[in-house]
Amino acid sequence: MDEQQKTKLDEMIEELKQKRDELKVQVHLAKAEAGDLWQETEDKWQHLRKQLDKIENGAGDSAKDVGAAAMLAAEEIKKGYGRLRQFIKDI
């Protein structure tokens, strides 16, 4: 390997090190963000499950109100799963 090739290889190695370090940080941040999205959606899921239990055990107007709230919560969870799926897809 001549000096010019060695210099070019050294430059390439430095560039690869920099890209590796940048990607390592991005992966760490993405992992944290995905975890946050998951936890937010999981909390909504747990809340929905409690609402569904109230519907099963309740009757009358309060059950209707809880049912409407449960529908809204289910839509939020669906959107949350969609955001998480898109986030993972974009990585």
PDB file of N, CA and C in Angstrom:
ATOM      1  N   MET A   1       0.858  -1.162   0.000  1.00  0.00           N
ATOM      2  CA  MET A   1       0.000   0.000   0.000  1.00  0.00           C
ATOM      3  C   MET A   1       0.907   1.229   0.000  1.00  0.00           C
ATOM      4  N   ASP A   2       0.694   2.086  -0.980  1.00  0.00           N
ATOM      5  CA  ASP A   2       1.525   3.286  -1.040  1.00  0.00           C
ATOM      6  C   ASP A   2       0.966   4.350  -0.081  1.00  0.00           C
ATOM      7  N   GLU A   3       1.691   5.442   0.047  1.00  0.00           N
ATOM      8  CA  GLU A   3       1.343   6.502   0.995  1.00  0.00           C
ATOM      9  C   GLU A   3      -0.007   7.148   0.667  1.00  0.00           C
ATOM     10  N   GLN A   4      -0.279   7.329  -0.597  1.00  0.00           N
ATOM     11  CA  GLN A   4      -1.542   7.947  -1.019  1.00  0.00           C
ATOM     12  C   GLN A   4      -2.734   7.052  -0.632  1.00  0.00           C
ATOM     13  N   GLN A   5      -2.591   5.748  -0.854  1.00  0.00           N
ATOM     14  CA  GLN A   5      -3.650   4.809  -0.496  1.00  0.00           C
ATOM     15  C   GLN A   5      -3.854   4.774   1.020  1.00  0.00           C
ATOM     16  N   LYS A   6      -2.739   4.796   1.749  1.00  0.00           N
ATOM     17  CA  LYS A   6      -2.831   4.779   3.210  1.00  0.00           C
ATOM     18  C   LYS A   6      -3.535   6.028   3.715  1.00  0.00           C
ATOM     19  N   THR A   7      -3.205   7.172   3.135  1.00  0.00           N
ATOM     20  CA  THR A   7      -3.841   8.427   3.529  1.00  0.00           C
ATOM     21  C   THR A   7      -5.341   8.370   3.243  1.00  0.00           C
ATOM     22  N   LYS A   8      -5.701   7.864   2.070  1.00  0.00           N
ATOM     23  CA  LYS A   8      -7.106   7.760   1.697  1.00  0.00           C
ATOM     24  C   LYS A   8      -7.840   6.808   2.640  1.00  0.00           C
ATOM     25  N   LEU A   9      -7.212   5.684   2.970  1.00  0.00           N
ATOM     26  CA  LEU A   9      -7.810   4.723   3.881  1.00  0.00           C
ATOM     27  C   LEU A   9      -7.986   5.339   5.267  1.00  0.00           C
ATOM     28  N   ASP A  10      -6.980   6.056   5.753  1.00  0.00           N
ATOM     29  CA  ASP A  10      -7.070   6.707   7.061  1.00  0.00           C
ATOM     30  C   ASP A  10      -8.227   7.711   7.099  1.00  0.00           C
ATOM     31  N   GLU A  11      -8.381   8.466   6.016  1.00  0.00           N
ATOM     32  CA  GLU A  11      -9.475   9.435   5.940  1.00  0.00           C
ATOM     33  C   GLU A  11     -10.833   8.724   5.956  1.00  0.00           C
ATOM     34  N   MET A  12     -10.900   7.621   5.218  1.00  0.00           N
ATOM     35  CA  MET A  12     -12.142   6.862   5.161  1.00  0.00           C
ATOM     36  C   MET A  12     -12.478   6.285   6.536  1.00  0.00           C
ATOM     37  N   ILE A  13     -11.461   5.778   7.230  1.00  0.00           N
ATOM     38  CA  ILE A  13     -11.663   5.214   8.561  1.00  0.00           C
ATOM     39  C   ILE A  13     -12.155   6.296   9.511  1.00  0.00           C
ATOM     40  N   GLU A  14     -11.600   7.477   9.458  1.00  0.00           N
ATOM     41  CA  GLU A  14     -12.039   8.582  10.311  1.00  0.00           C
ATOM     42  C   GLU A  14     -13.489   8.959  10.010  1.00  0.00           C
ATOM     43  N   GLU A  15     -13.831   8.979   8.743  1.00  0.00           N
ATOM     44  CA  GLU A  15     -15.208   9.290   8.348  1.00  0.00           C
ATOM     45  C   GLU A  15     -16.166   8.216   8.870  1.00  0.00           C
ATOM     46  N   LEU A  16     -15.750   6.956   8.768  1.00  0.00           N
ATOM     47  CA  LEU A  16     -16.581   5.866   9.270  1.00  0.00           C
ATOM     48  C   LEU A  16     -16.748   5.945  10.786  1.00  0.00           C
ATOM     49  N   LYS A  17     -15.695   6.287  11.492  1.00  0.00           N
ATOM     50  CA  LYS A  17     -15.776   6.436  12.950  1.00  0.00           C
ATOM     51  C   LYS A  17     -16.785   7.519  13.313  1.00  0.00           C
ATOM     52  N   GLN A  18     -16.726   8.635  12.603  1.00  0.00           N
ATOM     53  CA  GLN A  18     -17.638   9.739  12.878  1.00  0.00           C
ATOM     54  C   GLN A  18     -19.084   9.332  12.603  1.00  0.00           C
ATOM     55  N   LYS A  19     -19.316   8.687  11.470  1.00  0.00           N
ATOM     56  CA  LYS A  19     -20.671   8.240  11.130  1.00  0.00           C
ATOM     57  C   LYS A  19     -21.174   7.221  12.145  1.00  0.00           C
ATOM     58  N   ARG A  20     -20.299   6.344  12.582  1.00  0.00           N
ATOM     59  CA  ARG A  20     -20.659   5.331  13.577  1.00  0.00           C
ATOM     60  C   ARG A  20     -21.079   5.998  14.875  1.00  0.00           C
ATOM     61  N   ASP A  21     -20.303   6.973  15.326  1.00  0.00           N
ATOM     62  CA  ASP A  21     -20.624   7.677  16.566  1.00  0.00           C
ATOM     63  C   ASP A  21     -21.959   8.417  16.457  1.00  0.00           C
ATOM     64  N   GLU A  22     -22.193   9.057  15.321  1.00  0.00           N
ATOM     65  CA  GLU A  22     -23.448   9.774  15.106  1.00  0.00           C
ATOM     66  C   GLU A  22     -24.634   8.808  15.123  1.00  0.00           C
ATOM     67  N   LEU A  23     -24.492   7.682  14.447  1.00  0.00           N
ATOM     68  CA  LEU A  23     -25.565   6.696  14.402  1.00  0.00           C
ATOM     69  C   LEU A  23     -25.830   6.086  15.772  1.00  0.00           C
ATOM     70  N   LYS A  24     -24.775   5.889  16.531  1.00  0.00           N
ATOM     71  CA  LYS A  24     -24.927   5.341  17.876  1.00  0.00           C
ATOM     72  C   LYS A  24     -25.793   6.263  18.727  1.00  0.00           C
ATOM     73  N   VAL A  25     -25.550   7.562  18.635  1.00  0.00           N
ATOM     74  CA  VAL A  25     -26.347   8.542  19.378  1.00  0.00           C
ATOM     75  C   VAL A  25     -27.790   8.538  18.871  1.00  0.00           C
ATOM     76  N   GLN A  26     -27.968   8.509  17.553  1.00  0.00           N
ATOM     77  CA  GLN A  26     -29.311   8.520  16.977  1.00  0.00           C
ATOM     78  C   GLN A  26     -30.106   7.276  17.380  1.00  0.00           C
ATOM     79  N   VAL A  27     -29.458   6.133  17.405  1.00  0.00           N
ATOM     80  CA  VAL A  27     -30.125   4.897  17.808  1.00  0.00           C
ATOM     81  C   VAL A  27     -30.547   4.986  19.271  1.00  0.00           C
ATOM     82  N   HIS A  28     -29.671   5.512  20.099  1.00  0.00           N
ATOM     83  CA  HIS A  28     -29.996   5.670  21.522  1.00  0.00           C
ATOM     84  C   HIS A  28     -31.209   6.587  21.691  1.00  0.00           C
ATOM     85  N   LEU A  29     -31.213   7.716  20.984  1.00  0.00           N
ATOM     86  CA  LEU A  29     -32.331   8.659  21.076  1.00  0.00           C
ATOM     87  C   LEU A  29     -33.620   8.045  20.526  1.00  0.00           C
ATOM     88  N   ALA A  30     -33.506   7.312  19.420  1.00  0.00           N
ATOM     89  CA  ALA A  30     -34.682   6.671  18.829  1.00  0.00           C
ATOM     90  C   ALA A  30     -35.256   5.626  19.778  1.00  0.00           C
ATOM     91  N   LYS A  31     -34.386   4.899  20.428  1.00  0.00           N
ATOM     92  CA  LYS A  31     -34.821   3.876  21.373  1.00  0.00           C
ATOM     93  C   LYS A  31     -35.591   4.528  22.524  1.00  0.00           C
ATOM     94  N   ALA A  32     -35.068   5.636  23.024  1.00  0.00           N
ATOM     95  CA  ALA A  32     -35.736   6.340  24.111  1.00  0.00           C
ATOM     96  C   ALA A  32     -37.089   6.890  23.652  1.00  0.00           C
ATOM     97  N   GLU A  33     -37.129   7.464  22.465  1.00  0.00           N
ATOM     98  CA  GLU A  33     -38.379   8.029  21.956  1.00  0.00           C
ATOM     99  C   GLU A  33     -39.419   6.934  21.719  1.00  0.00           C
ATOM    100  N   ALA A  34     -38.991   5.815  21.153  1.00  0.00           N
ATOM    101  CA  ALA A  34     -39.917   4.704  20.927  1.00  0.00           C
ATOM    102  C   ALA A  34     -40.444   4.185  22.264  1.00  0.00           C
ATOM    103  N   GLY A  35     -39.587   4.114  23.256  1.00  0.00           N
ATOM    104  CA  GLY A  35     -40.005   3.676  24.589  1.00  0.00           C
ATOM    105  C   GLY A  35     -41.031   4.622  25.186  1.00  0.00           C
ATOM    106  N   ASP A  36     -40.816   5.918  24.997  1.00  0.00           N
ATOM    107  CA  ASP A  36     -41.771   6.916  25.495  1.00  0.00           C
ATOM    108  C   ASP A  36     -43.114   6.787  24.794  1.00  0.00           C
ATOM    109  N   LEU A  37     -43.086   6.619  23.473  1.00  0.00           N
ATOM    110  CA  LEU A  37     -44.332   6.437  22.721  1.00  0.00           C
ATOM    111  C   LEU A  37     -45.073   5.182  23.177  1.00  0.00           C
ATOM    112  N   TRP A  38     -44.312   4.114  23.378  1.00  0.00           N
ATOM    113  CA  TRP A  38     -44.915   2.867  23.823  1.00  0.00           C
ATOM    114  C   TRP A  38     -45.554   3.041  25.196  1.00  0.00           C
ATOM    115  N   GLN A  39     -44.840   3.652  26.124  1.00  0.00           N
ATOM    116  CA  GLN A  39     -45.358   3.794  27.480  1.00  0.00           C
ATOM    117  C   GLN A  39     -46.603   4.671  27.512  1.00  0.00           C
ATOM    118  N   GLU A  40     -46.586   5.739  26.736  1.00  0.00           N
ATOM    119  CA  GLU A  40     -47.756   6.622  26.650  1.00  0.00           C
ATOM    120  C   GLU A  40     -48.979   5.848  26.157  1.00  0.00           C
ATOM    121  N   THR A  41     -48.783   5.043  25.129  1.00  0.00           N
ATOM    122  CA  THR A  41     -49.887   4.267  24.566  1.00  0.00           C
ATOM    123  C   THR A  41     -50.298   3.147  25.518  1.00  0.00           C
ATOM    124  N   GLU A  42     -49.349   2.548  26.179  1.00  0.00           N
ATOM    125  CA  GLU A  42     -49.648   1.476  27.133  1.00  0.00           C
ATOM    126  C   GLU A  42     -50.466   2.009  28.308  1.00  0.00           C
ATOM    127  N   ASP A  43     -50.136   3.211  28.776  1.00  0.00           N
ATOM    128  CA  ASP A  43     -50.917   3.826  29.855  1.00  0.00           C
ATOM    129  C   ASP A  43     -52.364   4.041  29.415  1.00  0.00           C
ATOM    130  N   LYS A  44     -52.545   4.480  28.185  1.00  0.00           N
ATOM    131  CA  LYS A  44     -53.899   4.667  27.653  1.00  0.00           C
ATOM    132  C   LYS A  44     -54.619   3.333  27.550  1.00  0.00           C
ATOM    133  N   TRP A  45     -53.894   2.290  27.181  1.00  0.00           N
ATOM    134  CA  TRP A  45     -54.481   0.952  27.089  1.00  0.00           C
ATOM    135  C   TRP A  45     -54.986   0.499  28.461  1.00  0.00           C
ATOM    136  N   GLN A  46     -54.176   0.684  29.475  1.00  0.00           N
ATOM    137  CA  GLN A  46     -54.578   0.285  30.829  1.00  0.00           C
ATOM    138  C   GLN A  46     -55.816   1.063  31.274  1.00  0.00           C
ATOM    139  N   HIS A  47     -55.853   2.352  30.958  1.00  0.00           N
ATOM    140  CA  HIS A  47     -57.012   3.179  31.297  1.00  0.00           C
ATOM    141  C   HIS A  47     -58.258   2.676  30.559  1.00  0.00           C
ATOM    142  N   LEU A  48     -58.107   2.328  29.295  1.00  0.00           N
ATOM    143  CA  LEU A  48     -59.226   1.804  28.514  1.00  0.00           C
ATOM    144  C   LEU A  48     -59.752   0.510  29.124  1.00  0.00           C
ATOM    145  N   ARG A  49     -58.850  -0.356  29.531  1.00  0.00           N
ATOM    146  CA  ARG A  49     -59.277  -1.625  30.135  1.00  0.00           C
ATOM    147  C   ARG A  49     -60.125  -1.363  31.377  1.00  0.00           C
ATOM    148  N   LYS A  50     -59.742  -0.382  32.182  1.00  0.00           N
ATOM    149  CA  LYS A  50     -60.528  -0.041  33.374  1.00  0.00           C
ATOM    150  C   LYS A  50     -61.906   0.493  32.972  1.00  0.00           C
ATOM    151  N   GLN A  51     -61.940   1.303  31.921  1.00  0.00           N
ATOM    152  CA  GLN A  51     -63.220   1.822  31.451  1.00  0.00           C
ATOM    153  C   GLN A  51     -64.121   0.685  30.965  1.00  0.00           C
ATOM    154  N   LEU A  52     -63.528  -0.277  30.269  1.00  0.00           N
ATOM    155  CA  LEU A  52     -64.314  -1.415  29.774  1.00  0.00           C
ATOM    156  C   LEU A  52     -64.870  -2.239  30.932  1.00  0.00           C
ATOM    157  N   ASP A  53     -64.101  -2.371  31.997  1.00  0.00           N
ATOM    158  CA  ASP A  53     -64.601  -3.080  33.181  1.00  0.00           C
ATOM    159  C   ASP A  53     -65.798  -2.343  33.773  1.00  0.00           C
ATOM    160  N   LYS A  54     -65.742  -1.015  33.791  1.00  0.00           N
ATOM    161  CA  LYS A  54     -66.871  -0.231  34.309  1.00  0.00           C
ATOM    162  C   LYS A  54     -68.110  -0.433  33.446  1.00  0.00           C
ATOM    163  N   ILE A  55     -67.912  -0.499  32.138  1.00  0.00           N
ATOM    164  CA  ILE A  55     -69.045  -0.696  31.232  1.00  0.00           C
ATOM    165  C   ILE A  55     -69.697  -2.057  31.504  1.00  0.00           C
ATOM    166  N   GLU A  56     -68.857  -3.075  31.664  1.00  0.00           N
ATOM    167  CA  GLU A  56     -69.385  -4.421  31.902  1.00  0.00           C
ATOM    168  C   GLU A  56     -70.130  -4.506  33.229  1.00  0.00           C
ATOM    169  N   ASN A  57     -69.702  -3.727  34.214  1.00  0.00           N
ATOM    170  CA  ASN A  57     -70.303  -3.784  35.540  1.00  0.00           C
ATOM    171  C   ASN A  57     -71.362  -2.716  35.769  1.00  0.00           C
ATOM    172  N   GLY A  58     -71.500  -1.774  34.860  1.00  0.00           N
ATOM    173  CA  GLY A  58     -72.411  -0.660  35.064  1.00  0.00           C
ATOM    174  C   GLY A  58     -73.630  -0.749  34.189  1.00  0.00           C
ATOM    175  N   ALA A  59     -74.492   0.234  34.402  1.00  0.00           N
ATOM    176  CA  ALA A  59     -75.707   0.311  33.588  1.00  0.00           C
ATOM    177  C   ALA A  59     -76.149   1.757  33.522  1.00  0.00           C
ATOM    178  N   GLY A  60     -77.069   2.043  32.620  1.00  0.00           N
ATOM    179  CA  GLY A  60     -77.660   3.365  32.551  1.00  0.00           C
ATOM    180  C   GLY A  60     -76.771   4.400  31.903  1.00  0.00           C
ATOM    181  N   ASP A  61     -77.032   5.666  32.235  1.00  0.00           N
ATOM    182  CA  ASP A  61     -76.343   6.788  31.603  1.00  0.00           C
ATOM    183  C   ASP A  61     -74.844   6.781  31.863  1.00  0.00           C
ATOM    184  N   SER A  62     -74.440   6.397  33.086  1.00  0.00           N
ATOM    185  CA  SER A  62     -72.997   6.418  33.358  1.00  0.00           C
ATOM    186  C   SER A  62     -72.267   5.419  32.467  1.00  0.00           C
ATOM    187  N   ALA A  63     -72.884   4.290  32.188  1.00  0.00           N
ATOM    188  CA  ALA A  63     -72.273   3.303  31.290  1.00  0.00           C
ATOM    189  C   ALA A  63     -72.165   3.875  29.882  1.00  0.00           C
ATOM    190  N   LYS A  64     -73.175   4.647  29.474  1.00  0.00           N
ATOM    191  CA  LYS A  64     -73.119   5.273  28.156  1.00  0.00           C
ATOM    192  C   LYS A  64     -71.991   6.291  28.089  1.00  0.00           C
ATOM    193  N   ASP A  65     -71.847   7.093  29.159  1.00  0.00           N
ATOM    194  CA  ASP A  65     -70.770   8.085  29.201  1.00  0.00           C
ATOM    195  C   ASP A  65     -69.405   7.412  29.180  1.00  0.00           C
ATOM    196  N   VAL A  66     -69.277   6.362  29.968  1.00  0.00           N
ATOM    197  CA  VAL A  66     -68.011   5.622  30.003  1.00  0.00           C
ATOM    198  C   VAL A  66     -67.756   4.975  28.650  1.00  0.00           C
ATOM    199  N   GLY A  67     -68.819   4.490  28.007  1.00  0.00           N
ATOM    200  CA  GLY A  67     -68.675   3.882  26.691  1.00  0.00           C
ATOM    201  C   GLY A  67     -68.173   4.885  25.663  1.00  0.00           C
ATOM    202  N   ALA A  68     -68.696   6.103  25.709  1.00  0.00           N
ATOM    203  CA  ALA A  68     -68.240   7.151  24.786  1.00  0.00           C
ATOM    204  C   ALA A  68     -66.780   7.492  25.057  1.00  0.00           C
ATOM    205  N   ALA A  69     -66.434   7.580  26.334  1.00  0.00           N
ATOM    206  CA  ALA A  69     -65.043   7.872  26.693  1.00  0.00           C
ATOM    207  C   ALA A  69     -64.125   6.729  26.248  1.00  0.00           C
ATOM    208  N   ALA A  70     -64.630   5.508  26.364  1.00  0.00           N
ATOM    209  CA  ALA A  70     -63.833   4.347  25.951  1.00  0.00           C
ATOM    210  C   ALA A  70     -63.585   4.372  24.443  1.00  0.00           C
ATOM    211  N   MET A  71     -64.580   4.782  23.677  1.00  0.00           N
ATOM    212  CA  MET A  71     -64.408   4.884  22.223  1.00  0.00           C
ATOM    213  C   MET A  71     -63.335   5.914  21.880  1.00  0.00           C
ATOM    214  N   LEU A  72     -63.367   7.044  22.573  1.00  0.00           N
ATOM    215  CA  LEU A  72     -62.338   8.066  22.337  1.00  0.00           C
ATOM    216  C   LEU A  72     -60.950   7.531  22.712  1.00  0.00           C
ATOM    217  N   ALA A  73     -60.876   6.847  23.851  1.00  0.00           N
ATOM    218  CA  ALA A  73     -59.595   6.283  24.286  1.00  0.00           C
ATOM    219  C   ALA A  73     -59.088   5.251  23.280  1.00  0.00           C
ATOM    220  N   ALA A  74     -60.000   4.433  22.760  1.00  0.00           N
ATOM    221  CA  ALA A  74     -59.599   3.422  21.772  1.00  0.00           C
ATOM    222  C   ALA A  74     -59.053   4.087  20.514  1.00  0.00           C
ATOM    223  N   GLU A  75     -59.671   5.183  20.093  1.00  0.00           N
ATOM    224  CA  GLU A  75     -59.173   5.918  18.924  1.00  0.00           C
ATOM    225  C   GLU A  75     -57.781   6.496  19.200  1.00  0.00           C
ATOM    226  N   GLU A  76     -57.557   7.016  20.403  1.00  0.00           N
ATOM    227  CA  GLU A  76     -56.235   7.552  20.764  1.00  0.00           C
ATOM    228  C   GLU A  76     -55.182   6.452  20.743  1.00  0.00           C
ATOM    229  N   ILE A  77     -55.556   5.292  21.259  1.00  0.00           N
ATOM    230  CA  ILE A  77     -54.616   4.161  21.262  1.00  0.00           C
ATOM    231  C   ILE A  77     -54.294   3.741  19.831  1.00  0.00           C
ATOM    232  N   LYS A  78     -55.305   3.685  18.995  1.00  0.00           N
ATOM    233  CA  LYS A  78     -55.091   3.330  17.589  1.00  0.00           C
ATOM    234  C   LYS A  78     -54.118   4.307  16.938  1.00  0.00           C
ATOM    235  N   LYS A  79     -54.316   5.598  17.188  1.00  0.00           N
ATOM    236  CA  LYS A  79     -53.410   6.612  16.642  1.00  0.00           C
ATOM    237  C   LYS A  79     -52.002   6.449  17.217  1.00  0.00           C
ATOM    238  N   GLY A  80     -51.921   6.152  18.515  1.00  0.00           N
ATOM    239  CA  GLY A  80     -50.620   5.943  19.154  1.00  0.00           C
ATOM    240  C   GLY A  80     -49.871   4.773  18.534  1.00  0.00           C
ATOM    241  N   TYR A  81     -50.579   3.674  18.301  1.00  0.00           N
ATOM    242  CA  TYR A  81     -49.951   2.523  17.648  1.00  0.00           C
ATOM    243  C   TYR A  81     -49.507   2.884  16.233  1.00  0.00           C
ATOM    244  N   GLY A  82     -50.314   3.678  15.556  1.00  0.00           N
ATOM    245  CA  GLY A  82     -49.941   4.119  14.204  1.00  0.00           C
ATOM    246  C   GLY A  82     -48.684   4.975  14.223  1.00  0.00           C
ATOM    247  N   ARG A  83     -48.596   5.895  15.199  1.00  0.00           N
ATOM    248  CA  ARG A  83     -47.389   6.737  15.322  1.00  0.00           C
ATOM    249  C   ARG A  83     -46.164   5.883  15.622  1.00  0.00           C
ATOM    250  N   LEU A  84     -46.340   4.913  16.513  1.00  0.00           N
ATOM    251  CA  LEU A  84     -45.219   4.042  16.871  1.00  0.00           C
ATOM    252  C   LEU A  84     -44.789   3.198  15.675  1.00  0.00           C
ATOM    253  N   ARG A  85     -45.756   2.656  14.952  1.00  0.00           N
ATOM    254  CA  ARG A  85     -45.441   1.846  13.766  1.00  0.00           C
ATOM    255  C   ARG A  85     -44.706   2.696  12.726  1.00  0.00           C
ATOM    256  N   GLN A  86     -45.179   3.928  12.505  1.00  0.00           N
ATOM    257  CA  GLN A  86     -44.541   4.820  11.539  1.00  0.00           C
ATOM    258  C   GLN A  86     -43.138   5.199  11.997  1.00  0.00           C
ATOM    259  N   PHE A  87     -42.985   5.445  13.297  1.00  0.00           N
ATOM    260  CA  PHE A  87     -41.678   5.784  13.843  1.00  0.00           C
ATOM    261  C   PHE A  87     -40.676   4.671  13.593  1.00  0.00           C
ATOM    262  N   ILE A  88     -41.102   3.442  13.858  1.00  0.00           N
ATOM    263  CA  ILE A  88     -40.219   2.291  13.654  1.00  0.00           C
ATOM    264  C   ILE A  88     -39.911   2.126  12.163  1.00  0.00           C
ATOM    265  N   LYS A  89     -40.923   2.318  11.339  1.00  0.00           N
ATOM    266  CA  LYS A  89     -40.734   2.202   9.887  1.00  0.00           C
ATOM    267  C   LYS A  89     -39.743   3.228   9.364  1.00  0.00           C
ATOM    268  N   ASP A  90     -39.778   4.442   9.935  1.00  0.00           N
ATOM    269  CA  ASP A  90     -38.914   5.524   9.489  1.00  0.00           C
ATOM    270  C   ASP A  90     -37.462   5.371   9.931  1.00  0.00           C
ATOM    271  N   ILE A  91     -37.245   4.484  10.877  1.00  0.00           N
ATOM    272  CA  ILE A  91     -35.866   4.320  11.390  1.00  0.00           C
ATOM    273  C   ILE A  91     -35.000   3.648  10.356  1.00  0.00           C
TER     274      ILE A  91
END
